[in-house]
Amino acid sequence: WASFRADLRNGLHKLRGRTSASHKRFVAFVIVDGALLRISQMGLGVIHDEAFTYVAYAEKPVGYILSNFASPNNHILHTLLVKASTALFGVHLWSLRMPALLAGILVMPVFYVFARLMFNRYIALLSLTFVAASGALIEYSALARGYSLTWLFMLCALLAGRHFTKSNNVVSA
């Protein structure tokens, strides 16, 4: 783990060193705009899948959530995060959607880092603007369905796979 963390720190340090201040500001601007677009959609009406997930799973005990997969609406990790969020903040529309929103916002910087490592800063910035303004990704980030978590984990897996191919580190495998 120590070498994995060191590689991560060194990689982020190199990216920061090779990036101009104006580029960093523009990346931050795009991420903030993308976050605001996602937050602005939090007031959408509750859809059937969200309501069913909460009523059938999230308000049940943890053991039930982990053991019952009778319906594909039980995205287990997302359901557990919804349960935690609603237990912590109370049952509100925003607390129901908070895990998906946070994952949808985190997707943007993770995607930027991945594109920056794979290509260059211009392609990474252009790709980030597409992700920040993507209607489908904004909707998935605003609805309590767990798809934004899936995309976040896929991007983390791509970053880990890239690290594995570069360093042959077992932790990233």
Protein backbone atom coordinates (compact mmCIF):
# COMPACT_ATOMS: atom_id res chain seq x y z
CA TRP A 1 0.00 0.00 0.00
CA ALA A 2 2.84 2.37 0.75
CA SER A 3 4.16 2.28 -2.81
CA PHE A 4 0.63 2.69 -4.19
CA ARG A 5 0.03 5.80 -2.05
CA ALA A 6 3.47 7.16 -2.97
CA ASP A 7 2.78 6.65 -6.68
CA LEU A 8 -0.58 8.41 -6.30
CA ARG A 9 1.01 11.36 -4.48
CA ASN A 10 3.83 11.61 -7.05
CA GLY A 11 1.40 11.43 -9.97
CA LEU A 12 -0.81 14.18 -8.57
CA HIS A 13 2.26 16.28 -7.75
CA LYS A 14 3.50 15.94 -11.36
CA LEU A 15 0.09 16.94 -12.72
CA ARG A 16 -0.02 20.01 -10.48
CA GLY A 17 3.48 20.99 -11.51
CA ARG A 18 2.74 20.69 -15.24
CA THR A 19 -0.50 22.68 -15.06
CA SER A 20 -0.73 26.46 -15.32
CA ALA A 21 -2.74 28.46 -12.81
CA SER A 22 -5.22 29.59 -15.47
CA HIS A 23 -5.81 25.99 -16.55
CA LYS A 24 -6.40 24.95 -12.92
CA ARG A 25 -8.89 27.80 -12.49
CA PHE A 26 -10.76 26.79 -15.63
CA VAL A 27 -10.91 23.14 -14.52
CA ALA A 28 -12.27 24.27 -11.14
CA PHE A 29 -14.80 26.52 -12.91
CA VAL A 30 -16.05 23.64 -15.08
CA ILE A 31 -16.32 21.29 -12.08
CA VAL A 32 -18.22 23.90 -10.04
CA ASP A 33 -20.56 24.55 -12.98
CA GLY A 34 -21.12 20.82 -13.40
CA ALA A 35 -21.85 20.51 -9.68
CA LEU A 36 -24.33 23.39 -9.84
CA LEU A 37 -26.09 21.77 -12.80
CA ARG A 38 -26.40 18.56 -10.79
CA ILE A 39 -27.60 20.34 -7.66
CA SER A 40 -30.17 22.31 -9.67
CA GLN A 41 -31.80 19.02 -10.71
CA MET A 42 -32.20 17.73 -7.16
CA GLY A 43 -35.76 19.03 -7.01
CA LEU A 44 -37.04 16.80 -9.80
CA GLY A 45 -40.07 14.73 -8.88
CA VAL A 46 -39.52 11.37 -7.26
CA ILE A 47 -39.58 8.57 -9.81
CA HIS A 48 -40.96 5.10 -9.18
CA ASP A 49 -37.56 3.43 -8.93
CA GLU A 50 -36.38 5.84 -6.23
CA ALA A 51 -39.54 5.43 -4.19
CA PHE A 52 -39.50 1.65 -4.56
CA THR A 53 -35.84 1.42 -3.56
CA TYR A 54 -36.46 3.42 -0.40
CA VAL A 55 -39.71 1.74 0.64
CA ALA A 56 -38.74 -1.82 -0.27
CA TYR A 57 -35.09 -1.74 0.84
CA ALA A 58 -33.53 1.39 2.37
CA GLU A 59 -35.87 1.64 5.32
CA LYS A 60 -35.31 -2.05 6.17
CA PRO A 61 -32.51 -3.47 8.38
CA VAL A 62 -29.01 -3.79 6.91
CA GLY A 63 -29.19 -7.59 6.93
CA TYR A 64 -32.29 -7.47 4.77
CA ILE A 65 -30.61 -5.10 2.30
CA LEU A 66 -27.55 -7.34 2.03
CA SER A 67 -29.47 -10.58 1.63
CA ASN A 68 -32.48 -9.66 -0.50
CA PHE A 69 -31.92 -9.18 -4.19
CA ALA A 70 -35.42 -10.10 -5.32
CA SER A 71 -35.59 -6.95 -7.41
CA PRO A 72 -32.89 -5.23 -9.47
CA ASN A 73 -33.81 -1.99 -7.67
CA ASN A 74 -31.60 -3.03 -4.77
CA HIS A 75 -28.21 -1.69 -5.82
CA ILE A 76 -26.76 -2.85 -2.52
CA LEU A 77 -24.01 -0.26 -1.96
CA HIS A 78 -26.24 2.58 -3.11
CA THR A 79 -29.09 1.34 -0.94
CA LEU A 80 -26.77 1.20 2.10
CA LEU A 81 -25.58 4.75 1.39
CA VAL A 82 -29.19 5.96 1.05
CA LYS A 83 -30.01 4.24 4.34
CA ALA A 84 -27.07 5.98 6.04
CA SER A 85 -27.89 9.34 4.49
CA THR A 86 -31.56 9.23 5.47
CA ALA A 87 -30.68 7.96 8.95
CA LEU A 88 -28.20 10.81 9.41
CA PHE A 89 -30.18 13.68 7.86
CA GLY A 90 -33.78 12.44 8.05
CA VAL A 91 -36.02 11.37 5.20
CA HIS A 92 -35.95 14.19 2.67
CA LEU A 93 -35.71 14.25 -1.09
CA TRP A 94 -32.18 15.70 -0.92
CA SER A 95 -30.98 13.15 1.65
CA LEU A 96 -32.38 10.33 -0.49
CA ARG A 97 -30.42 11.63 -3.48
CA MET A 98 -27.25 12.74 -1.65
CA PRO A 99 -25.14 9.60 -2.33
CA ALA A 100 -25.84 9.75 -6.07
CA LEU A 101 -25.18 13.50 -6.14
CA LEU A 102 -21.83 13.23 -4.37
CA ALA A 103 -20.73 10.41 -6.67
CA GLY A 104 -21.87 12.40 -9.71
CA ILE A 105 -19.83 15.39 -8.58
CA LEU A 106 -16.75 13.26 -7.81
CA VAL A 107 -16.93 11.73 -11.29
CA MET A 108 -15.82 15.02 -12.82
CA PRO A 109 -12.39 15.43 -11.17
CA VAL A 110 -11.69 11.69 -11.41
CA PHE A 111 -12.55 11.72 -15.11
CA TYR A 112 -10.35 14.77 -15.63
CA VAL A 113 -7.39 13.06 -13.95
CA PHE A 114 -7.91 9.92 -16.01
CA ALA A 115 -8.13 11.83 -19.30
CA ARG A 116 -5.15 13.98 -18.32
CA LEU A 117 -3.02 10.94 -17.57
CA MET A 118 -4.04 9.17 -20.77
CA PHE A 119 -3.93 12.12 -23.18
CA ASN A 120 -3.08 15.78 -22.56
CA ARG A 121 -4.53 18.78 -20.78
CA TYR A 122 -6.52 19.99 -23.78
CA ILE A 123 -8.27 16.68 -24.37
CA ALA A 124 -8.82 16.31 -20.62
CA LEU A 125 -10.40 19.76 -20.41
CA LEU A 126 -12.63 19.20 -23.43
CA SER A 127 -13.68 15.80 -22.08
CA LEU A 128 -14.39 17.32 -18.67
CA THR A 129 -16.70 19.92 -20.21
CA PHE A 130 -18.63 17.15 -21.99
CA VAL A 131 -18.98 15.21 -18.73
CA ALA A 132 -19.97 18.30 -16.74
CA ALA A 133 -22.69 19.24 -19.24
CA SER A 134 -23.93 15.75 -20.17
CA GLY A 135 -27.67 15.64 -19.67
CA ALA A 136 -27.75 11.94 -18.88
CA LEU A 137 -24.95 12.19 -16.33
CA ILE A 138 -26.59 15.21 -14.71
CA GLU A 139 -29.87 13.30 -14.42
CA TYR A 140 -28.17 10.18 -13.03
CA SER A 141 -26.42 12.37 -10.46
CA ALA A 142 -29.70 13.95 -9.38
CA LEU A 143 -31.78 10.77 -9.08
CA ALA A 144 -31.31 8.22 -6.31
CA ARG A 145 -30.56 5.23 -8.53
CA GLY A 146 -26.87 4.52 -8.02
CA TYR A 147 -25.73 4.79 -11.62
CA SER A 148 -23.39 7.67 -10.82
CA LEU A 149 -21.71 5.40 -8.25
CA THR A 150 -21.22 2.80 -10.96
CA TRP A 151 -19.58 5.33 -13.24
CA LEU A 152 -17.36 6.64 -10.44
CA PHE A 153 -16.15 3.13 -9.62
CA MET A 154 -15.58 2.35 -13.29
CA LEU A 155 -13.34 5.41 -13.59
CA CYS A 156 -11.47 4.43 -10.42
CA ALA A 157 -10.98 0.96 -11.90
CA LEU A 158 -9.60 2.50 -15.10
CA LEU A 159 -7.17 4.59 -13.05
CA ALA A 160 -6.13 1.53 -11.05
CA GLY A 161 -5.71 -0.45 -14.28
CA ARG A 162 -3.53 2.29 -15.74
CA HIS A 163 -1.45 2.30 -12.58
CA PHE A 164 -1.12 -1.48 -12.71
CA THR A 165 0.12 -1.45 -16.30
CA LYS A 166 2.66 1.28 -15.50
CA SER A 167 3.97 -0.07 -12.18
CA ASN A 168 2.93 -3.73 -11.94
CA ASN A 169 1.73 -2.95 -8.42
CA VAL A 170 -0.39 -5.75 -6.95
CA VAL A 171 -2.49 -3.29 -4.91
CA SER A 172 -3.80 -1.58 -8.04
CA ALA A 173 -4.55 -4.97 -9.59
